[in-house]
All heavy atoms as atom14 arrays in JSON, in Angstrom:
{
  "sequence": "ILDGVRKRAGLAKLTCHQLRHTCLTRLREAGMALEA",
  "atom14_mask": [
    [1, 1, 1, 1, 1, 1, 1, 1, 0, 0, 0, 0, 0, 0],
    [1, 1, 1, 1, 1, 1, 1, 1, 0, 0, 0, 0, 0, 0],
    [1, 1, 1, 1, 1, 1, 1, 1, 0, 0, 0, 0, 0, 0],
    [1, 1, 1, 1, 0, 0, 0, 0, 0, 0, 0, 0, 0, 0],
    [1, 1, 1, 1, 1, 1, 1, 0, 0, 0, 0, 0, 0, 0],
    [1, 1, 1, 1, 1, 1, 1, 1, 1, 1, 1, 0, 0, 0],
    [1, 1, 1, 1, 1, 1, 1, 1, 1, 0, 0, 0, 0, 0],
    [1, 1, 1, 1, 1, 1, 1, 1, 1, 1, 1, 0, 0, 0],
    [1, 1, 1, 1, 1, 0, 0, 0, 0, 0, 0, 0, 0, 0],
    [1, 1, 1, 1, 0, 0, 0, 0, 0, 0, 0, 0, 0, 0],
    [1, 1, 1, 1, 1, 1, 1, 1, 0, 0, 0, 0, 0, 0],
    [1, 1, 1, 1, 1, 0, 0, 0, 0, 0, 0, 0, 0, 0],
    [1, 1, 1, 1, 1, 1, 1, 1, 1, 0, 0, 0, 0, 0],
    [1, 1, 1, 1, 1, 1, 1, 1, 0, 0, 0, 0, 0, 0],
    [1, 1, 1, 1, 1, 1, 1, 0, 0, 0, 0, 0, 0, 0],
    [1, 1, 1, 1, 1, 1, 0, 0, 0, 0, 0, 0, 0, 0],
    [1, 1, 1, 1, 1, 1, 1, 1, 1, 1, 0, 0, 0, 0],
    [1, 1, 1, 1, 1, 1, 1, 1, 1, 0, 0, 0, 0, 0],
    [1, 1, 1, 1, 1, 1, 1, 1, 0, 0, 0, 0, 0, 0],
    [1, 1, 1, 1, 1, 1, 1, 1, 1, 1, 1, 0, 0, 0],
    [1, 1, 1, 1, 1, 1, 1, 1, 1, 1, 0, 0, 0, 0],
    [1, 1, 1, 1, 1, 1, 1, 0, 0, 0, 0, 0, 0, 0],
    [1, 1, 1, 1, 1, 1, 0, 0, 0, 0, 0, 0, 0, 0],
    [1, 1, 1, 1, 1, 1, 1, 1, 0, 0, 0, 0, 0, 0],
    [1, 1, 1, 1, 1, 1, 1, 0, 0, 0, 0, 0, 0, 0],
    [1, 1, 1, 1, 1, 1, 1, 1, 1, 1, 1, 0, 0, 0],
    [1, 1, 1, 1, 1, 1, 1, 1, 0, 0, 0, 0, 0, 0],
    [1, 1, 1, 1, 1, 1, 1, 1, 1, 1, 1, 0, 0, 0],
    [1, 1, 1, 1, 1, 1, 1, 1, 1, 0, 0, 0, 0, 0],
    [1, 1, 1, 1, 1, 0, 0, 0, 0, 0, 0, 0, 0, 0],
    [1, 1, 1, 1, 0, 0, 0, 0, 0, 0, 0, 0, 0, 0],
    [1, 1, 1, 1, 1, 1, 1, 1, 0, 0, 0, 0, 0, 0],
    [1, 1, 1, 1, 1, 0, 0, 0, 0, 0, 0, 0, 0, 0],
    [1, 1, 1, 1, 1, 1, 1, 1, 0, 0, 0, 0, 0, 0],
    [1, 1, 1, 1, 1, 1, 1, 1, 1, 0, 0, 0, 0, 0],
    [1, 1, 1, 1, 1, 0, 0, 0, 0, 0, 0, 0, 0, 0]
  ],
  "atom14_positions": [
    [[144.09, 151.35, 60.56], [145.34, 151.35, 59.81], [146.4, 152.19, 60.53], [147.54, 151.77, 60.69], [145.12, 151.86, 58.38], [144.36, 150.79, 57.58], [146.44, 152.2, 57.69], [143.9, 151.26, 56.23], [0.0, 0.0, 0.0], [0.0, 0.0, 0.0], [0.0, 0.0, 0.0], [0.0, 0.0, 0.0], [0.0, 0.0, 0.0], [0.0, 0.0, 0.0]],
    [[146.01, 153.38, 60.97], [146.95, 154.23, 61.69], [147.45, 153.56, 62.97], [148.61, 153.69, 63.34], [146.32, 155.58, 62.02], [146.25, 156.57, 60.89], [145.55, 157.85, 61.34], [147.62, 156.9, 60.36], [0.0, 0.0, 0.0], [0.0, 0.0, 0.0], [0.0, 0.0, 0.0], [0.0, 0.0, 0.0], [0.0, 0.0, 0.0], [0.0, 0.0, 0.0]],
    [[146.58, 152.84, 63.66], [146.98, 152.14, 64.87], [148.03, 151.08, 64.55], [149.02, 150.94, 65.27], [145.77, 151.51, 65.56], [146.1, 151.03, 66.95], [146.7, 151.81, 67.73], [145.75, 149.88, 67.28], [0.0, 0.0, 0.0], [0.0, 0.0, 0.0], [0.0, 0.0, 0.0], [0.0, 0.0, 0.0], [0.0, 0.0, 0.0], [0.0, 0.0, 0.0]],
    [[147.85, 150.36, 63.44], [148.83, 149.36, 63.02], [150.16, 150.0, 62.66], [151.22, 149.5, 63.05], [0.0, 0.0, 0.0], [0.0, 0.0, 0.0], [0.0, 0.0, 0.0], [0.0, 0.0, 0.0], [0.0, 0.0, 0.0], [0.0, 0.0, 0.0], [0.0, 0.0, 0.0], [0.0, 0.0, 0.0], [0.0, 0.0, 0.0], [0.0, 0.0, 0.0]],
    [[150.12, 151.11, 61.95], [151.33, 151.83, 61.58], [152.03, 152.34, 62.84], [153.25, 152.23, 62.98], [151.0, 153.01, 60.62], [152.2, 153.94, 60.45], [150.52, 152.5, 59.28], [0.0, 0.0, 0.0], [0.0, 0.0, 0.0], [0.0, 0.0, 0.0], [0.0, 0.0, 0.0], [0.0, 0.0, 0.0], [0.0, 0.0, 0.0], [0.0, 0.0, 0.0]],
    [[151.25, 152.89, 63.75], [151.81, 153.41, 65.01], [152.56, 152.31, 65.76], [153.69, 152.5, 66.19], [150.68, 153.96, 65.88], [151.15, 154.5, 67.23], [150.0, 154.76, 68.17], [149.23, 153.58, 68.51], [149.63, 152.61, 69.34], [150.8, 152.69, 69.92], [148.85, 151.57, 69.59], [0.0, 0.0, 0.0], [0.0, 0.0, 0.0], [0.0, 0.0, 0.0]],
    [[151.95, 151.14, 65.85], [152.57, 150.02, 66.57], [153.85, 149.56, 65.87], [154.88, 149.36, 66.52], [151.6, 148.86, 66.7], [150.48, 149.13, 67.7], [149.47, 148.01, 67.71], [148.33, 148.33, 68.66], [147.22, 147.38, 68.55], [0.0, 0.0, 0.0], [0.0, 0.0, 0.0], [0.0, 0.0, 0.0], [0.0, 0.0, 0.0], [0.0, 0.0, 0.0]],
    [[153.8, 149.42, 64.54], [154.97, 148.97, 63.79], [156.13, 149.97, 63.88], [157.29, 149.6, 63.89], [154.63, 148.7, 62.33], [153.82, 147.42, 62.15], [153.7, 147.02, 60.68], [153.08, 148.0, 59.82], [151.75, 148.19, 59.71], [150.91, 147.47, 60.41], [151.29, 149.08, 58.88], [0.0, 0.0, 0.0], [0.0, 0.0, 0.0], [0.0, 0.0, 0.0]],
    [[155.79, 151.25, 63.96], [156.82, 152.3, 64.04], [157.29, 152.54, 65.47], [158.24, 153.29, 65.7], [156.28, 153.6, 63.45], [0.0, 0.0, 0.0], [0.0, 0.0, 0.0], [0.0, 0.0, 0.0], [0.0, 0.0, 0.0], [0.0, 0.0, 0.0], [0.0, 0.0, 0.0], [0.0, 0.0, 0.0], [0.0, 0.0, 0.0], [0.0, 0.0, 0.0]],
    [[156.61, 151.92, 66.43], [156.99, 152.11, 67.83], [156.65, 153.48, 68.37], [157.32, 153.98, 69.27], [0.0, 0.0, 0.0], [0.0, 0.0, 0.0], [0.0, 0.0, 0.0], [0.0, 0.0, 0.0], [0.0, 0.0, 0.0], [0.0, 0.0, 0.0], [0.0, 0.0, 0.0], [0.0, 0.0, 0.0], [0.0, 0.0, 0.0], [0.0, 0.0, 0.0]],
    [[155.6, 154.08, 67.84], [155.17, 155.41, 68.29], [154.14, 155.29, 69.41], [153.29, 154.4, 69.38], [154.56, 156.2, 67.13], [155.47, 156.46, 65.94], [154.67, 157.07, 64.79], [156.62, 157.35, 66.33], [0.0, 0.0, 0.0], [0.0, 0.0, 0.0], [0.0, 0.0, 0.0], [0.0, 0.0, 0.0], [0.0, 0.0, 0.0], [0.0, 0.0, 0.0]],
    [[154.19, 156.2, 70.35], [153.22, 156.2, 71.44], [151.86, 156.67, 70.94], [150.81, 156.22, 71.42], [153.7, 157.11, 72.58], [0.0, 0.0, 0.0], [0.0, 0.0, 0.0], [0.0, 0.0, 0.0], [0.0, 0.0, 0.0], [0.0, 0.0, 0.0], [0.0, 0.0, 0.0], [0.0, 0.0, 0.0], [0.0, 0.0, 0.0], [0.0, 0.0, 0.0]],
    [[151.86, 157.56, 69.95], [150.6, 158.14, 69.47], [150.74, 158.5, 67.99], [151.81, 158.94, 67.55], [150.27, 159.39, 70.29], [148.96, 160.04, 69.96], [148.72, 161.24, 70.85], [147.42, 161.94, 70.46], [147.23, 163.18, 71.2], [0.0, 0.0, 0.0], [0.0, 0.0, 0.0], [0.0, 0.0, 0.0], [0.0, 0.0, 0.0], [0.0, 0.0, 0.0]],
    [[149.68, 158.3, 67.23], [149.64, 158.73, 65.83], [148.18, 158.95, 65.47], [147.36, 158.04, 65.59], [150.25, 157.67, 64.9], [150.18, 157.99, 63.4], [151.02, 159.23, 63.08], [150.66, 156.8, 62.58], [0.0, 0.0, 0.0], [0.0, 0.0, 0.0], [0.0, 0.0, 0.0], [0.0, 0.0, 0.0], [0.0, 0.0, 0.0], [0.0, 0.0, 0.0]],
    [[147.87, 160.17, 65.04], [146.49, 160.5, 64.68], [146.45, 161.19, 63.32], [147.47, 161.71, 62.85], [145.86, 161.46, 65.72], [146.54, 162.72, 65.66], [145.92, 160.89, 67.14], [0.0, 0.0, 0.0], [0.0, 0.0, 0.0], [0.0, 0.0, 0.0], [0.0, 0.0, 0.0], [0.0, 0.0, 0.0], [0.0, 0.0, 0.0], [0.0, 0.0, 0.0]],
    [[145.28, 161.22, 62.72], [145.1, 161.95, 61.46], [145.42, 163.43, 61.66], [145.98, 164.08, 60.78], [143.67, 161.79, 60.96], [143.3, 160.17, 60.3], [0.0, 0.0, 0.0], [0.0, 0.0, 0.0], [0.0, 0.0, 0.0], [0.0, 0.0, 0.0], [0.0, 0.0, 0.0], [0.0, 0.0, 0.0], [0.0, 0.0, 0.0], [0.0, 0.0, 0.0]],
    [[145.08, 163.95, 62.84], [145.35, 165.35, 63.12], [146.85, 165.63, 63.14], [147.31, 166.66, 62.63], [144.69, 165.75, 64.44], [144.57, 167.23, 64.61], [143.68, 167.99, 63.89], [145.25, 168.09, 65.39], [143.81, 169.26, 64.23], [144.77, 169.34, 65.14], [0.0, 0.0, 0.0], [0.0, 0.0, 0.0], [0.0, 0.0, 0.0], [0.0, 0.0, 0.0]],
    [[147.63, 164.7, 63.7], [149.09, 164.87, 63.67], [149.6, 164.86, 62.24], [150.52, 165.62, 61.9], [149.76, 163.76, 64.47], [149.62, 163.9, 65.96], [150.18, 162.7, 66.68], [149.85, 161.57, 66.37], [151.04, 162.96, 67.64], [0.0, 0.0, 0.0], [0.0, 0.0, 0.0], [0.0, 0.0, 0.0], [0.0, 0.0, 0.0], [0.0, 0.0, 0.0]],
    [[149.03, 164.02, 61.4], [149.45, 163.98, 60.0], [149.12, 165.29, 59.3], [149.87, 165.76, 58.44], [148.79, 162.79, 59.27], [149.23, 161.42, 59.76], [148.44, 160.33, 59.03], [150.72, 161.21, 59.59], [0.0, 0.0, 0.0], [0.0, 0.0, 0.0], [0.0, 0.0, 0.0], [0.0, 0.0, 0.0], [0.0, 0.0, 0.0], [0.0, 0.0, 0.0]],
    [[148.0, 165.9, 59.67], [147.62, 167.21, 59.13], [148.67, 168.25, 59.52], [149.12, 169.04, 58.68], [146.24, 167.6, 59.65], [145.74, 168.96, 59.22], [144.32, 169.17, 59.74], [143.92, 170.54, 59.75], [143.41, 171.21, 58.74], [143.25, 170.6, 57.58], [143.05, 172.47, 58.85], [0.0, 0.0, 0.0], [0.0, 0.0, 0.0], [0.0, 0.0, 0.0]],
    [[149.07, 168.26, 60.8], [150.11, 169.18, 61.25], [151.4, 168.97, 60.44], [152.03, 169.93, 60.0], [150.42, 168.97, 62.74], [149.47, 169.65, 63.66], [149.83, 170.74, 64.4], [148.19, 169.38, 63.99], [148.8, 171.13, 65.14], [147.8, 170.31, 64.91], [0.0, 0.0, 0.0], [0.0, 0.0, 0.0], [0.0, 0.0, 0.0], [0.0, 0.0, 0.0]],
    [[151.77, 167.71, 60.27], [152.99, 167.37, 59.53], [152.91, 167.87, 58.09], [153.86, 168.46, 57.57], [153.25, 165.86, 59.57], [153.38, 165.46, 60.94], [154.51, 165.49, 58.81], [0.0, 0.0, 0.0], [0.0, 0.0, 0.0], [0.0, 0.0, 0.0], [0.0, 0.0, 0.0], [0.0, 0.0, 0.0], [0.0, 0.0, 0.0], [0.0, 0.0, 0.0]],
    [[151.79, 167.64, 57.44], [151.62, 168.08, 56.05], [151.76, 169.58, 55.94], [152.49, 170.09, 55.07], [150.25, 167.62, 55.54], [149.88, 168.19, 53.88], [0.0, 0.0, 0.0], [0.0, 0.0, 0.0], [0.0, 0.0, 0.0], [0.0, 0.0, 0.0], [0.0, 0.0, 0.0], [0.0, 0.0, 0.0], [0.0, 0.0, 0.0], [0.0, 0.0, 0.0]],
    [[151.07, 170.32, 56.8], [151.14, 171.79, 56.73], [152.54, 172.3, 57.04], [153.02, 173.25, 56.41], [150.1, 172.4, 57.68], [148.65, 172.07, 57.32], [147.71, 172.63, 58.39], [148.27, 172.57, 55.95], [0.0, 0.0, 0.0], [0.0, 0.0, 0.0], [0.0, 0.0, 0.0], [0.0, 0.0, 0.0], [0.0, 0.0, 0.0], [0.0, 0.0, 0.0]],
    [[153.21, 171.67, 58.0], [154.59, 172.06, 58.31], [155.5, 171.83, 57.12], [156.32, 172.68, 56.77], [155.09, 171.26, 59.54], [154.27, 171.59, 60.67], [156.54, 171.59, 59.85], [0.0, 0.0, 0.0], [0.0, 0.0, 0.0], [0.0, 0.0, 0.0], [0.0, 0.0, 0.0], [0.0, 0.0, 0.0], [0.0, 0.0, 0.0], [0.0, 0.0, 0.0]],
    [[155.36, 170.68, 56.47], [156.23, 170.37, 55.32], [155.96, 171.33, 54.16], [156.89, 171.72, 53.45], [156.03, 168.93, 54.86], [156.44, 167.87, 55.86], [157.92, 167.98, 56.2], [158.26, 167.1, 57.3], [158.46, 167.48, 58.56], [158.36, 168.75, 58.89], [158.76, 166.62, 59.49], [0.0, 0.0, 0.0], [0.0, 0.0, 0.0], [0.0, 0.0, 0.0]],
    [[154.7, 171.73, 53.96], [154.4, 172.71, 52.92], [155.11, 174.02, 53.2], [155.7, 174.63, 52.3], [152.88, 172.93, 52.82], [152.07, 171.77, 52.25], [150.57, 172.06, 52.39], [152.43, 171.51, 50.79], [0.0, 0.0, 0.0], [0.0, 0.0, 0.0], [0.0, 0.0, 0.0], [0.0, 0.0, 0.0], [0.0, 0.0, 0.0], [0.0, 0.0, 0.0]],
    [[155.07, 174.45, 54.45], [155.75, 175.7, 54.82], [157.26, 175.59, 54.65], [157.91, 176.48, 54.11], [155.4, 176.08, 56.26], [156.04, 177.37, 56.73], [155.5, 178.57, 55.95], [156.28, 179.75, 56.25], [157.13, 180.33, 55.4], [157.28, 179.87, 54.18], [157.8, 181.39, 55.76], [0.0, 0.0, 0.0], [0.0, 0.0, 0.0], [0.0, 0.0, 0.0]],
    [[157.82, 174.46, 55.1], [159.26, 174.25, 54.98], [159.7, 174.18, 53.51], [160.84, 174.51, 53.2], [159.68, 172.99, 55.72], [159.65, 173.12, 57.22], [160.02, 171.85, 57.96], [159.93, 170.74, 57.37], [160.4, 171.96, 59.12], [0.0, 0.0, 0.0], [0.0, 0.0, 0.0], [0.0, 0.0, 0.0], [0.0, 0.0, 0.0], [0.0, 0.0, 0.0]],
    [[158.78, 173.75, 52.65], [159.11, 173.66, 51.22], [159.01, 175.02, 50.52], [159.26, 175.12, 49.33], [158.2, 172.65, 50.53], [0.0, 0.0, 0.0], [0.0, 0.0, 0.0], [0.0, 0.0, 0.0], [0.0, 0.0, 0.0], [0.0, 0.0, 0.0], [0.0, 0.0, 0.0], [0.0, 0.0, 0.0], [0.0, 0.0, 0.0], [0.0, 0.0, 0.0]],
    [[158.63, 176.05, 51.28], [158.62, 177.39, 50.71], [157.24, 177.99, 50.47], [157.13, 179.1, 49.98], [0.0, 0.0, 0.0], [0.0, 0.0, 0.0], [0.0, 0.0, 0.0], [0.0, 0.0, 0.0], [0.0, 0.0, 0.0], [0.0, 0.0, 0.0], [0.0, 0.0, 0.0], [0.0, 0.0, 0.0], [0.0, 0.0, 0.0], [0.0, 0.0, 0.0]],
    [[156.17, 177.26, 50.8], [154.84, 177.81, 50.62], [154.65, 178.98, 51.59], [154.98, 178.87, 52.76], [153.77, 176.74, 50.84], [152.35, 177.21, 50.56], [151.12, 175.91, 50.88], [150.89, 175.29, 49.24], [0.0, 0.0, 0.0], [0.0, 0.0, 0.0], [0.0, 0.0, 0.0], [0.0, 0.0, 0.0], [0.0, 0.0, 0.0], [0.0, 0.0, 0.0]],
    [[154.12, 180.08, 51.1], [153.87, 181.24, 51.95], [152.89, 180.87, 53.05], [151.97, 180.06, 52.84], [153.29, 182.38, 51.1], [0.0, 0.0, 0.0], [0.0, 0.0, 0.0], [0.0, 0.0, 0.0], [0.0, 0.0, 0.0], [0.0, 0.0, 0.0], [0.0, 0.0, 0.0], [0.0, 0.0, 0.0], [0.0, 0.0, 0.0], [0.0, 0.0, 0.0]],
    [[153.07, 181.47, 54.21], [152.22, 181.17, 55.36], [150.74, 181.41, 55.03], [149.86, 180.64, 55.42], [152.64, 181.99, 56.57], [151.98, 181.63, 57.89], [152.23, 180.17, 58.26], [152.47, 182.55, 59.0], [0.0, 0.0, 0.0], [0.0, 0.0, 0.0], [0.0, 0.0, 0.0], [0.0, 0.0, 0.0], [0.0, 0.0, 0.0], [0.0, 0.0, 0.0]],
    [[150.47, 182.47, 54.26], [149.08, 182.76, 53.87], [148.5, 181.67, 52.98], [147.32, 181.35, 53.06], [149.01, 184.12, 53.15], [149.39, 185.3, 54.02], [150.9, 185.52, 54.14], [151.69, 184.8, 53.51], [151.27, 186.45, 54.88], [0.0, 0.0, 0.0], [0.0, 0.0, 0.0], [0.0, 0.0, 0.0], [0.0, 0.0, 0.0], [0.0, 0.0, 0.0]],
    [[149.34, 181.07, 52.14], [148.89, 179.96, 51.29], [148.64, 178.71, 52.13], [147.67, 177.99, 51.89], [149.91, 179.68, 50.19], [0.0, 0.0, 0.0], [0.0, 0.0, 0.0], [0.0, 0.0, 0.0], [0.0, 0.0, 0.0], [0.0, 0.0, 0.0], [0.0, 0.0, 0.0], [0.0, 0.0, 0.0], [0.0, 0.0, 0.0], [0.0, 0.0, 0.0]]
  ]
}
């Protein structure tokens, strides 16, 4: 599924690990304390 999404979005790479990074970054940007 991720490979299909990657191709449709024109991305060179897309992994579950990248999504994990994105999720944690967005939580921090939304105000969650770094320790949380």
